[in-house]
């Protein structure tokens, strides 16, 4: 049930984000590759990787809202311990300022 709900949410977000990107140039969609590392005493590091879809848009000149949905691309096993990121969901508010029409340094707060 949980996987069905997450899959439906991701598919719906991609559908609506695609329409938003076409309607306004302030909205965006992107992909992010993550490499995780977890160290546990007495074991080698566990290092799975993952892929995240980012959807966002401007709410003002200096603030943006962003949502991220992700999953593991692979898991990692070490001495009987395994690590895999099943789902990754995040919601963020980003604040920053554009410089020279190319660079947008920002601070992100989220959950």
PDB file of N, CA and C in Angstrom:
ATOM      1  N   UNK A   1       0.823  -1.185   0.000  1.00  0.00           N
ATOM      2  CA  UNK A   1       0.000   0.000   0.000  1.00  0.00           C
ATOM      3  C   UNK A   1       0.871   1.255   0.000  1.00  0.00           C
ATOM      4  N   UNK A   2       1.913   1.264   0.854  1.00  0.00           N
ATOM      5  CA  UNK A   2       2.789   2.426   0.958  1.00  0.00           C
ATOM      6  C   UNK A   2       3.539   2.670  -0.347  1.00  0.00           C
ATOM      7  N   UNK A   3       4.027   1.596  -0.986  1.00  0.00           N
ATOM      8  CA  UNK A   3       4.742   1.749  -2.251  1.00  0.00           C
ATOM      9  C   UNK A   3       3.814   2.268  -3.338  1.00  0.00           C
ATOM     10  N   UNK A   4       2.575   1.814  -3.352  1.00  0.00           N
ATOM     11  CA  UNK A   4       1.597   2.277  -4.340  1.00  0.00           C
ATOM     12  C   UNK A   4       1.328   3.764  -4.154  1.00  0.00           C
ATOM     13  N   UNK A   5       1.186   4.205  -2.902  1.00  0.00           N
ATOM     14  CA  UNK A   5       0.937   5.606  -2.607  1.00  0.00           C
ATOM     15  C   UNK A   5       2.108   6.472  -3.046  1.00  0.00           C
ATOM     16  N   UNK A   6       3.332   6.063  -2.731  1.00  0.00           N
ATOM     17  CA  UNK A   6       4.522   6.828  -3.113  1.00  0.00           C
ATOM     18  C   UNK A   6       4.663   6.875  -4.629  1.00  0.00           C
ATOM     19  N   UNK A   7       4.447   5.748  -5.300  1.00  0.00           N
ATOM     20  CA  UNK A   7       4.540   5.705  -6.759  1.00  0.00           C
ATOM     21  C   UNK A   7       3.506   6.623  -7.395  1.00  0.00           C
ATOM     22  N   UNK A   8       2.290   6.616  -6.882  1.00  0.00           N
ATOM     23  CA  UNK A   8       1.231   7.493  -7.397  1.00  0.00           C
ATOM     24  C   UNK A   8       1.589   8.961  -7.174  1.00  0.00           C
ATOM     25  N   UNK A   9       2.133   9.285  -6.005  1.00  0.00           N
ATOM     26  CA  UNK A   9       2.519  10.673  -5.711  1.00  0.00           C
ATOM     27  C   UNK A   9       3.623  11.146  -6.656  1.00  0.00           C
ATOM     28  N   UNK A  10       4.613  10.298  -6.899  1.00  0.00           N
ATOM     29  CA  UNK A  10       5.706  10.666  -7.798  1.00  0.00           C
ATOM     30  C   UNK A  10       5.190  10.849  -9.217  1.00  0.00           C
ATOM     31  N   UNK A  11       4.384   9.916  -9.694  1.00  0.00           N
ATOM     32  CA  UNK A  11       3.847  10.012 -11.058  1.00  0.00           C
ATOM     33  C   UNK A  11       2.980  11.264 -11.219  1.00  0.00           C
ATOM     34  N   UNK A  12       2.142  11.556 -10.242  1.00  0.00           N
ATOM     35  CA  UNK A  12       1.292  12.747 -10.310  1.00  0.00           C
ATOM     36  C   UNK A  12       2.120  14.019 -10.303  1.00  0.00           C
ATOM     37  N   UNK A  13       3.142  14.054  -9.457  1.00  0.00           N
ATOM     38  CA  UNK A  13       4.008  15.233  -9.385  1.00  0.00           C
ATOM     39  C   UNK A  13       4.728  15.464 -10.699  1.00  0.00           C
ATOM     40  N   UNK A  14       5.223  14.391 -11.312  1.00  0.00           N
ATOM     41  CA  UNK A  14       5.912  14.534 -12.593  1.00  0.00           C
ATOM     42  C   UNK A  14       4.957  15.033 -13.668  1.00  0.00           C
ATOM     43  N   UNK A  15       3.729  14.532 -13.677  1.00  0.00           N
ATOM     44  CA  UNK A  15       2.739  14.951 -14.658  1.00  0.00           C
ATOM     45  C   UNK A  15       2.422  16.435 -14.499  1.00  0.00           C
ATOM     46  N   UNK A  16       2.121  16.862 -13.260  1.00  0.00           N
ATOM     47  CA  UNK A  16       1.780  18.261 -13.037  1.00  0.00           C
ATOM     48  C   UNK A  16       2.995  19.166 -13.191  1.00  0.00           C
ATOM     49  N   UNK A  17       4.186  18.701 -12.798  1.00  0.00           N
ATOM     50  CA  UNK A  17       5.401  19.509 -12.946  1.00  0.00           C
ATOM     51  C   UNK A  17       5.703  19.741 -14.421  1.00  0.00           C
ATOM     52  N   UNK A  18       5.491  18.727 -15.249  1.00  0.00           N
ATOM     53  CA  UNK A  18       5.727  18.884 -16.680  1.00  0.00           C
ATOM     54  C   UNK A  18       4.837  19.963 -17.269  1.00  0.00           C
ATOM     55  N   UNK A  19       3.588  20.009 -16.833  1.00  0.00           N
ATOM     56  CA  UNK A  19       2.672  21.040 -17.304  1.00  0.00           C
ATOM     57  C   UNK A  19       3.062  22.404 -16.757  1.00  0.00           C
ATOM     58  N   UNK A  20       3.532  22.448 -15.510  1.00  0.00           N
ATOM     59  CA  UNK A  20       3.947  23.703 -14.910  1.00  0.00           C
ATOM     60  C   UNK A  20       5.181  24.253 -15.605  1.00  0.00           C
ATOM     61  N   UNK A  21       6.136  23.382 -15.926  1.00  0.00           N
ATOM     62  CA  UNK A  21       7.358  23.823 -16.597  1.00  0.00           C
ATOM     63  C   UNK A  21       7.013  24.436 -17.941  1.00  0.00           C
ATOM     64  N   UNK A  22       6.035  23.891 -18.627  1.00  0.00           N
ATOM     65  CA  UNK A  22       5.630  24.447 -19.911  1.00  0.00           C
ATOM     66  C   UNK A  22       4.919  25.786 -19.725  1.00  0.00           C
ATOM     67  N   UNK A  23       4.188  25.957 -18.621  1.00  0.00           N
ATOM     68  CA  UNK A  23       3.401  27.164 -18.425  1.00  0.00           C
ATOM     69  C   UNK A  23       4.229  28.333 -17.893  1.00  0.00           C
ATOM     70  N   UNK A  24       5.202  28.056 -17.037  1.00  0.00           N
ATOM     71  CA  UNK A  24       5.988  29.113 -16.412  1.00  0.00           C
ATOM     72  C   UNK A  24       7.461  28.742 -16.461  1.00  0.00           C
ATOM     73  N   UNK A  25       8.298  29.717 -16.750  1.00  0.00           N
ATOM     74  CA  UNK A  25       9.724  29.415 -16.772  1.00  0.00           C
ATOM     75  C   UNK A  25      10.347  29.456 -15.382  1.00  0.00           C
ATOM     76  N   UNK A  26       9.586  29.834 -14.345  1.00  0.00           N
ATOM     77  CA  UNK A  26      10.119  29.865 -12.988  1.00  0.00           C
ATOM     78  C   UNK A  26      10.090  28.489 -12.321  1.00  0.00           C
ATOM     79  N   UNK A  27       9.408  27.499 -12.914  1.00  0.00           N
ATOM     80  CA  UNK A  27       9.359  26.149 -12.379  1.00  0.00           C
ATOM     81  C   UNK A  27      10.463  25.306 -13.007  1.00  0.00           C
ATOM     82  N   UNK A  28      10.897  24.271 -12.289  1.00  0.00           N
ATOM     83  CA  UNK A  28      11.972  23.429 -12.807  1.00  0.00           C
ATOM     84  C   UNK A  28      11.799  21.992 -12.357  1.00  0.00           C
ATOM     85  N   UNK A  29      12.470  21.106 -13.066  1.00  0.00           N
ATOM     86  CA  UNK A  29      12.538  19.692 -12.721  1.00  0.00           C
ATOM     87  C   UNK A  29      13.980  19.259 -12.943  1.00  0.00           C
ATOM     88  N   UNK A  30      14.483  18.391 -12.081  1.00  0.00           N
ATOM     89  CA  UNK A  30      15.862  17.950 -12.230  1.00  0.00           C
ATOM     90  C   UNK A  30      16.082  16.578 -11.629  1.00  0.00           C
ATOM     91  N   UNK A  31      17.227  16.008 -11.925  1.00  0.00           N
ATOM     92  CA  UNK A  31      17.651  14.728 -11.364  1.00  0.00           C
ATOM     93  C   UNK A  31      18.903  14.943 -10.534  1.00  0.00           C
ATOM     94  N   UNK A  32      19.023  14.164  -9.476  1.00  0.00           N
ATOM     95  CA  UNK A  32      20.169  14.263  -8.585  1.00  0.00           C
ATOM     96  C   UNK A  32      20.658  12.856  -8.265  1.00  0.00           C
ATOM     97  N   UNK A  33      21.948  12.615  -8.407  1.00  0.00           N
ATOM     98  CA  UNK A  33      22.542  11.329  -8.063  1.00  0.00           C
ATOM     99  C   UNK A  33      23.154  11.449  -6.671  1.00  0.00           C
ATOM    100  N   UNK A  34      22.826  10.524  -5.763  1.00  0.00           N
ATOM    101  CA  UNK A  34      23.339  10.546  -4.394  1.00  0.00           C
ATOM    102  C   UNK A  34      24.222   9.338  -4.132  1.00  0.00           C
ATOM    103  N   UNK A  35      25.308   9.555  -3.416  1.00  0.00           N
ATOM    104  CA  UNK A  35      26.153   8.469  -2.913  1.00  0.00           C
ATOM    105  C   UNK A  35      26.143   8.574  -1.388  1.00  0.00           C
ATOM    106  N   UNK A  36      25.604   7.562  -0.732  1.00  0.00           N
ATOM    107  CA  UNK A  36      25.501   7.542   0.717  1.00  0.00           C
ATOM    108  C   UNK A  36      26.666   6.753   1.299  1.00  0.00           C
ATOM    109  N   UNK A  37      27.122   7.135   2.491  1.00  0.00           N
ATOM    110  CA  UNK A  37      28.135   6.380   3.215  1.00  0.00           C
ATOM    111  C   UNK A  37      27.709   6.309   4.675  1.00  0.00           C
ATOM    112  N   UNK A  38      27.638   5.092   5.212  1.00  0.00           N
ATOM    113  CA  UNK A  38      27.299   4.881   6.617  1.00  0.00           C
ATOM    114  C   UNK A  38      28.406   4.058   7.246  1.00  0.00           C
ATOM    115  N   UNK A  39      28.981   4.576   8.319  1.00  0.00           N
ATOM    116  CA  UNK A  39      30.030   3.864   9.035  1.00  0.00           C
ATOM    117  C   UNK A  39      29.488   3.245  10.315  1.00  0.00           C
ATOM    118  N   UNK A  40      29.757   1.973  10.514  1.00  0.00           N
ATOM    119  CA  UNK A  40      29.343   1.259  11.717  1.00  0.00           C
ATOM    120  C   UNK A  40      30.603   0.674  12.339  1.00  0.00           C
ATOM    121  N   UNK A  41      30.774   0.866  13.631  1.00  0.00           N
ATOM    122  CA  UNK A  41      31.966   0.354  14.318  1.00  0.00           C
ATOM    123  C   UNK A  41      32.133  -1.133  14.084  1.00  0.00           C
ATOM    124  N   UNK A  42      33.327  -1.540  13.688  1.00  0.00           N
ATOM    125  CA  UNK A  42      33.632  -2.947  13.478  1.00  0.00           C
ATOM    126  C   UNK A  42      33.303  -3.468  12.094  1.00  0.00           C
ATOM    127  N   UNK A  43      32.692  -2.648  11.225  1.00  0.00           N
ATOM    128  CA  UNK A  43      32.344  -3.055   9.859  1.00  0.00           C
ATOM    129  C   UNK A  43      32.928  -2.062   8.859  1.00  0.00           C
ATOM    130  N   UNK A  44      33.144  -2.520   7.644  1.00  0.00           N
ATOM    131  CA  UNK A  44      33.499  -1.599   6.570  1.00  0.00           C
ATOM    132  C   UNK A  44      32.311  -0.675   6.300  1.00  0.00           C
ATOM    133  N   UNK A  45      32.572   0.473   5.675  1.00  0.00           N
ATOM    134  CA  UNK A  45      31.505   1.413   5.343  1.00  0.00           C
ATOM    135  C   UNK A  45      30.512   0.795   4.362  1.00  0.00           C
ATOM    136  N   UNK A  46      29.240   1.113   4.566  1.00  0.00           N
ATOM    137  CA  UNK A  46      28.184   0.733   3.625  1.00  0.00           C
ATOM    138  C   UNK A  46      27.958   1.919   2.693  1.00  0.00           C
ATOM    139  N   UNK A  47      27.946   1.684   1.373  1.00  0.00           N
ATOM    140  CA  UNK A  47      27.887   2.775   0.407  1.00  0.00           C
ATOM    141  C   UNK A  47      26.898   2.499  -0.728  1.00  0.00           C
ATOM    142  N   UNK A  48      25.583   2.577  -0.450  1.00  0.00           N
ATOM    143  CA  UNK A  48      24.621   2.458  -1.554  1.00  0.00           C
ATOM    144  C   UNK A  48      24.546   3.787  -2.321  1.00  0.00           C
ATOM    145  N   UNK A  49      23.915   3.761  -3.480  1.00  0.00           N
ATOM    146  CA  UNK A  49      23.710   4.993  -4.230  1.00  0.00           C
ATOM    147  C   UNK A  49      22.220   5.132  -4.547  1.00  0.00           C
ATOM    148  N   UNK A  50      21.818   6.329  -5.008  1.00  0.00           N
ATOM    149  CA  UNK A  50      20.403   6.565  -5.274  1.00  0.00           C
ATOM    150  C   UNK A  50      20.188   7.658  -6.291  1.00  0.00           C
ATOM    151  N   UNK A  51      18.946   7.768  -6.732  1.00  0.00           N
ATOM    152  CA  UNK A  51      18.549   8.772  -7.710  1.00  0.00           C
ATOM    153  C   UNK A  51      17.348   9.539  -7.156  1.00  0.00           C
ATOM    154  N   UNK A  52      17.387  10.873  -7.286  1.00  0.00           N
ATOM    155  CA  UNK A  52      16.345  11.740  -6.753  1.00  0.00           C
ATOM    156  C   UNK A  52      15.791  12.610  -7.881  1.00  0.00           C
ATOM    157  N   UNK A  53      14.465  12.749  -7.928  1.00  0.00           N
ATOM    158  CA  UNK A  53      13.799  13.671  -8.844  1.00  0.00           C
ATOM    159  C   UNK A  53      13.451  14.920  -8.036  1.00  0.00           C
ATOM    160  N   UNK A  54      13.869  16.090  -8.537  1.00  0.00           N
ATOM    161  CA  UNK A  54      13.610  17.365  -7.863  1.00  0.00           C
ATOM    162  C   UNK A  54      12.591  18.165  -8.663  1.00  0.00           C
ATOM    163  N   UNK A  55      11.560  18.670  -7.972  1.00  0.00           N
ATOM    164  CA  UNK A  55      10.537  19.515  -8.580  1.00  0.00           C
ATOM    165  C   UNK A  55      10.458  20.800  -7.772  1.00  0.00           C
ATOM    166  N   UNK A  56      10.465  21.938  -8.446  1.00  0.00           N
ATOM    167  CA  UNK A  56      10.427  23.181  -7.696  1.00  0.00           C
ATOM    168  C   UNK A  56       9.944  24.348  -8.514  1.00  0.00           C
ATOM    169  N   UNK A  57       9.808  25.474  -7.841  1.00  0.00           N
ATOM    170  CA  UNK A  57       9.390  26.691  -8.509  1.00  0.00           C
ATOM    171  C   UNK A  57       9.547  27.895  -7.609  1.00  0.00           C
ATOM    172  N   UNK A  58       9.601  29.059  -8.231  1.00  0.00           N
ATOM    173  CA  UNK A  58       9.757  30.321  -7.509  1.00  0.00           C
ATOM    174  C   UNK A  58       8.444  30.725  -6.850  1.00  0.00           C
ATOM    175  N   UNK A  59       8.546  31.221  -5.606  1.00  0.00           N
ATOM    176  CA  UNK A  59       7.383  31.840  -4.974  1.00  0.00           C
ATOM    177  C   UNK A  59       7.587  33.355  -4.889  1.00  0.00           C
ATOM    178  N   UNK A  60       8.829  33.785  -5.047  1.00  0.00           N
ATOM    179  CA  UNK A  60       9.159  35.205  -5.162  1.00  0.00           C
ATOM    180  C   UNK A  60      10.540  35.288  -5.805  1.00  0.00           C
ATOM    181  N   UNK A  61      11.065  36.481  -5.903  1.00  0.00           N
ATOM    182  CA  UNK A  61      12.371  36.667  -6.533  1.00  0.00           C
ATOM    183  C   UNK A  61      13.489  35.965  -5.764  1.00  0.00           C
ATOM    184  N   UNK A  62      13.330  35.858  -4.438  1.00  0.00           N
ATOM    185  CA  UNK A  62      14.397  35.317  -3.603  1.00  0.00           C
ATOM    186  C   UNK A  62      14.063  33.988  -2.920  1.00  0.00           C
ATOM    187  N   UNK A  63      12.857  33.468  -3.116  1.00  0.00           N
ATOM    188  CA  UNK A  63      12.457  32.231  -2.441  1.00  0.00           C
ATOM    189  C   UNK A  63      11.878  31.224  -3.423  1.00  0.00           C
ATOM    190  N   UNK A  64      12.177  29.940  -3.162  1.00  0.00           N
ATOM    191  CA  UNK A  64      11.671  28.836  -3.973  1.00  0.00           C
ATOM    192  C   UNK A  64      11.160  27.729  -3.066  1.00  0.00           C
ATOM    193  N   UNK A  65      10.206  26.956  -3.557  1.00  0.00           N
ATOM    194  CA  UNK A  65       9.761  25.723  -2.909  1.00  0.00           C
ATOM    195  C   UNK A  65      10.277  24.559  -3.741  1.00  0.00           C
ATOM    196  N   UNK A  66      10.681  23.481  -3.074  1.00  0.00           N
ATOM    197  CA  UNK A  66      11.218  22.322  -3.793  1.00  0.00           C
ATOM    198  C   UNK A  66      10.787  21.041  -3.101  1.00  0.00           C
ATOM    199  N   UNK A  67      10.468  20.026  -3.899  1.00  0.00           N
ATOM    200  CA  UNK A  67      10.133  18.691  -3.411  1.00  0.00           C
ATOM    201  C   UNK A  67      11.090  17.707  -4.056  1.00  0.00           C
ATOM    202  N   UNK A  68      11.547  16.722  -3.284  1.00  0.00           N
ATOM    203  CA  UNK A  68      12.460  15.705  -3.804  1.00  0.00           C
ATOM    204  C   UNK A  68      11.911  14.321  -3.477  1.00  0.00           C
ATOM    205  N   UNK A  69      11.921  13.443  -4.497  1.00  0.00           N
ATOM    206  CA  UNK A  69      11.509  12.049  -4.353  1.00  0.00           C
ATOM    207  C   UNK A  69      12.653  11.175  -4.850  1.00  0.00           C
ATOM    208  N   UNK A  70      13.070  10.175  -4.057  1.00  0.00           N
ATOM    209  CA  UNK A  70      14.182   9.344  -4.495  1.00  0.00           C
ATOM    210  C   UNK A  70      14.105   7.914  -4.007  1.00  0.00           C
ATOM    211  N   UNK A  71      14.985   7.083  -4.565  1.00  0.00           N
ATOM    212  CA  UNK A  71      15.110   5.655  -4.230  1.00  0.00           C
ATOM    213  C   UNK A  71      16.555   5.239  -4.429  1.00  0.00           C
ATOM    214  N   UNK A  72      16.897   4.089  -3.855  1.00  0.00           N
ATOM    215  CA  UNK A  72      18.214   3.500  -4.088  1.00  0.00           C
ATOM    216  C   UNK A  72      18.306   2.947  -5.496  1.00  0.00           C
ATOM    217  N   UNK A  73      19.462   3.074  -6.103  1.00  0.00           N
ATOM    218  CA  UNK A  73      19.751   2.383  -7.357  1.00  0.00           C
ATOM    219  C   UNK A  73      20.358   1.022  -7.059  1.00  0.00           C
ATOM    220  N   UNK A  74      21.058   0.926  -5.926  1.00  0.00           N
ATOM    221  CA  UNK A  74      21.650  -0.349  -5.506  1.00  0.00           C
ATOM    222  C   UNK A  74      21.761  -0.364  -3.990  1.00  0.00           C
ATOM    223  N   UNK A  75      21.924  -1.560  -3.424  1.00  0.00           N
ATOM    224  CA  UNK A  75      22.168  -1.672  -1.995  1.00  0.00           C
ATOM    225  C   UNK A  75      23.621  -2.075  -1.797  1.00  0.00           C
ATOM    226  N   UNK A  76      24.057  -2.088  -0.542  1.00  0.00           N
ATOM    227  CA  UNK A  76      25.426  -2.483  -0.229  1.00  0.00           C
ATOM    228  C   UNK A  76      25.384  -3.464   0.934  1.00  0.00           C
ATOM    229  N   UNK A  77      26.171  -4.543   0.831  1.00  0.00           N
ATOM    230  CA  UNK A  77      26.239  -5.576   1.861  1.00  0.00           C
ATOM    231  C   UNK A  77      27.674  -5.706   2.347  1.00  0.00           C
ATOM    232  N   UNK A  78      27.835  -5.745   3.680  1.00  0.00           N
ATOM    233  CA  UNK A  78      29.152  -5.933   4.281  1.00  0.00           C
ATOM    234  C   UNK A  78      28.996  -6.847   5.488  1.00  0.00           C
ATOM    235  N   UNK A  79      29.653  -7.992   5.479  1.00  0.00           N
ATOM    236  CA  UNK A  79      29.675  -8.910   6.628  1.00  0.00           C
ATOM    237  C   UNK A  79      28.284  -9.161   7.221  1.00  0.00           C
ATOM    238  N   UNK A  80      27.306  -9.406   6.385  1.00  0.00           N
ATOM    239  CA  UNK A  80      25.967  -9.714   6.867  1.00  0.00           C
ATOM    240  C   UNK A  80      25.092  -8.511   7.130  1.00  0.00           C
ATOM    241  N   UNK A  81      25.631  -7.294   7.056  1.00  0.00           N
ATOM    242  CA  UNK A  81      24.822  -6.086   7.216  1.00  0.00           C
ATOM    243  C   UNK A  81      24.506  -5.529   5.832  1.00  0.00           C
ATOM    244  N   UNK A  82      23.288  -5.055   5.644  1.00  0.00           N
ATOM    245  CA  UNK A  82      22.871  -4.511   4.350  1.00  0.00           C
ATOM    246  C   UNK A  82      22.253  -3.135   4.549  1.00  0.00           C
ATOM    247  N   UNK A  83      22.416  -2.275   3.547  1.00  0.00           N
ATOM    248  CA  UNK A  83      21.819  -0.949   3.600  1.00  0.00           C
ATOM    249  C   UNK A  83      21.246  -0.605   2.239  1.00  0.00           C
ATOM    250  N   UNK A  84      19.987  -0.142   2.248  1.00  0.00           N
ATOM    251  CA  UNK A  84      19.301   0.293   1.037  1.00  0.00           C
ATOM    252  C   UNK A  84      18.344   1.411   1.433  1.00  0.00           C
ATOM    253  N   UNK A  85      18.267   2.460   0.634  1.00  0.00           N
ATOM    254  CA  UNK A  85      17.333   3.547   0.881  1.00  0.00           C
ATOM    255  C   UNK A  85      16.071   3.240   0.089  1.00  0.00           C
ATOM    256  N   UNK A  86      14.989   2.860   0.794  1.00  0.00           N
ATOM    257  CA  UNK A  86      13.745   2.491   0.115  1.00  0.00           C
ATOM    258  C   UNK A  86      13.093   3.704  -0.541  1.00  0.00           C
ATOM    259  N   UNK A  87      12.797   4.726   0.249  1.00  0.00           N
ATOM    260  CA  UNK A  87      12.207   5.952  -0.266  1.00  0.00           C
ATOM    261  C   UNK A  87      12.868   7.148   0.376  1.00  0.00           C
ATOM    262  N   UNK A  88      12.958   8.199  -0.394  1.00  0.00           N
ATOM    263  CA  UNK A  88      13.517   9.466   0.069  1.00  0.00           C
ATOM    264  C   UNK A  88      12.534  10.547  -0.363  1.00  0.00           C
ATOM    265  N   UNK A  89      11.947  11.252   0.592  1.00  0.00           N
ATOM    266  CA  UNK A  89      10.990  12.306   0.287  1.00  0.00           C
ATOM    267  C   UNK A  89      11.382  13.526   1.107  1.00  0.00           C
ATOM    268  N   UNK A  90      11.483  14.677   0.451  1.00  0.00           N
ATOM    269  CA  UNK A  90      11.850  15.903   1.149  1.00  0.00           C
ATOM    270  C   UNK A  90      11.084  17.103   0.621  1.00  0.00           C
ATOM    271  N   UNK A  91      10.832  18.070   1.506  1.00  0.00           N
ATOM    272  CA  UNK A  91      10.164  19.316   1.149  1.00  0.00           C
ATOM    273  C   UNK A  91      11.031  20.448   1.670  1.00  0.00           C
ATOM    274  N   UNK A  92      11.342  21.437   0.820  1.00  0.00           N
ATOM    275  CA  UNK A  92      12.308  22.474   1.161  1.00  0.00           C
ATOM    276  C   UNK A  92      11.817  23.861   0.775  1.00  0.00           C
ATOM    277  N   UNK A  93      12.255  24.850   1.541  1.00  0.00           N
ATOM    278  CA  UNK A  93      12.143  26.259   1.183  1.00  0.00           C
ATOM    279  C   UNK A  93      13.569  26.736   0.991  1.00  0.00           C
ATOM    280  N   UNK A  94      13.844  27.328  -0.165  1.00  0.00           N
ATOM    281  CA  UNK A  94      15.188  27.813  -0.479  1.00  0.00           C
ATOM    282  C   UNK A  94      15.152  29.331  -0.599  1.00  0.00           C
ATOM    283  N   UNK A  95      16.102  29.979   0.059  1.00  0.00           N
ATOM    284  CA  UNK A  95      16.216  31.428  -0.022  1.00  0.00           C
ATOM    285  C   UNK A  95      17.596  31.808  -0.506  1.00  0.00           C
ATOM    286  N   UNK A  96      17.652  32.734  -1.448  1.00  0.00           N
ATOM    287  CA  UNK A  96      18.935  33.155  -1.976  1.00  0.00           C
ATOM    288  C   UNK A  96      18.801  34.371  -2.859  1.00  0.00           C
ATOM    289  N   UNK A  97      19.891  34.678  -3.573  1.00  0.00           N
ATOM    290  CA  UNK A  97      19.910  35.841  -4.439  1.00  0.00           C
ATOM    291  C   UNK A  97      20.722  35.530  -5.688  1.00  0.00           C
ATOM    292  N   UNK A  98      20.209  35.935  -6.825  1.00  0.00           N
ATOM    293  CA  UNK A  98      20.885  35.681  -8.104  1.00  0.00           C
ATOM    294  C   UNK A  98      21.958  36.739  -8.345  1.00  0.00           C
ATOM    295  N   UNK A  99      23.128  36.283  -8.806  1.00  0.00           N
ATOM    296  CA  UNK A  99      24.225  37.171  -9.139  1.00  0.00           C
ATOM    297  C   UNK A  99      24.610  36.984 -10.597  1.00  0.00           C
ATOM    298  N   UNK A 100      24.777  38.077 -11.310  1.00  0.00           N
ATOM    299  CA  UNK A 100      25.260  38.075 -12.693  1.00  0.00           C
ATOM    300  C   UNK A 100      24.397  37.203 -13.607  1.00  0.00           C
ATOM    301  N   UNK A 101      23.114  37.065 -13.321  1.00  0.00           N
ATOM    302  CA  UNK A 101      22.182  36.277 -14.136  1.00  0.00           C
ATOM    303  C   UNK A 101      22.631  34.841 -14.371  1.00  0.00           C
ATOM    304  N   UNK A 102      23.523  34.300 -13.522  1.00  0.00           N
ATOM    305  CA  UNK A 102      24.022  32.942 -13.726  1.00  0.00           C
ATOM    306  C   UNK A 102      24.095  32.130 -12.445  1.00  0.00           C
ATOM    307  N   UNK A 103      24.381  32.756 -11.317  1.00  0.00           N
ATOM    308  CA  UNK A 103      24.656  32.046 -10.075  1.00  0.00           C
ATOM    309  C   UNK A 103      23.575  32.386  -9.060  1.00  0.00           C
ATOM    310  N   UNK A 104      23.039  31.353  -8.377  1.00  0.00           N
ATOM    311  CA  UNK A 104      22.018  31.550  -7.364  1.00  0.00           C
ATOM    312  C   UNK A 104      22.429  30.819  -6.085  1.00  0.00           C
ATOM    313  N   UNK A 105      23.341  31.403  -5.282  1.00  0.00           N
ATOM    314  CA  UNK A 105      23.659  30.756  -3.996  1.00  0.00           C
ATOM    315  C   UNK A 105      22.435  30.814  -3.084  1.00  0.00           C
ATOM    316  N   UNK A 106      22.203  29.725  -2.344  1.00  0.00           N
ATOM    317  CA  UNK A 106      20.989  29.657  -1.536  1.00  0.00           C
ATOM    318  C   UNK A 106      21.218  28.894  -0.248  1.00  0.00           C
ATOM    319  N   UNK A 107      20.286  29.048   0.659  1.00  0.00           N
ATOM    320  CA  UNK A 107      20.205  28.277   1.906  1.00  0.00           C
ATOM    321  C   UNK A 107      18.879  27.538   1.845  1.00  0.00           C
ATOM    322  N   UNK A 108      18.894  26.244   2.161  1.00  0.00           N
ATOM    323  CA  UNK A 108      17.677  25.431   2.105  1.00  0.00           C
ATOM    324  C   UNK A 108      17.314  24.952   3.509  1.00  0.00           C
ATOM    325  N   UNK A 109      16.045  25.084   3.855  1.00  0.00           N
ATOM    326  CA  UNK A 109      15.496  24.562   5.092  1.00  0.00           C
ATOM    327  C   UNK A 109      14.392  23.591   4.727  1.00  0.00           C
ATOM    328  N   UNK A 110      14.408  22.423   5.343  1.00  0.00           N
ATOM    329  CA  UNK A 110      13.380  21.464   4.969  1.00  0.00           C
ATOM    330  C   UNK A 110      13.293  20.293   5.891  1.00  0.00           C
ATOM    331  N   UNK A 111      12.433  19.396   5.486  1.00  0.00           N
ATOM    332  CA  UNK A 111      12.212  18.160   6.225  1.00  0.00           C
ATOM    333  C   UNK A 111      12.169  17.018   5.250  1.00  0.00           C
TER     334      UNK A 111
END
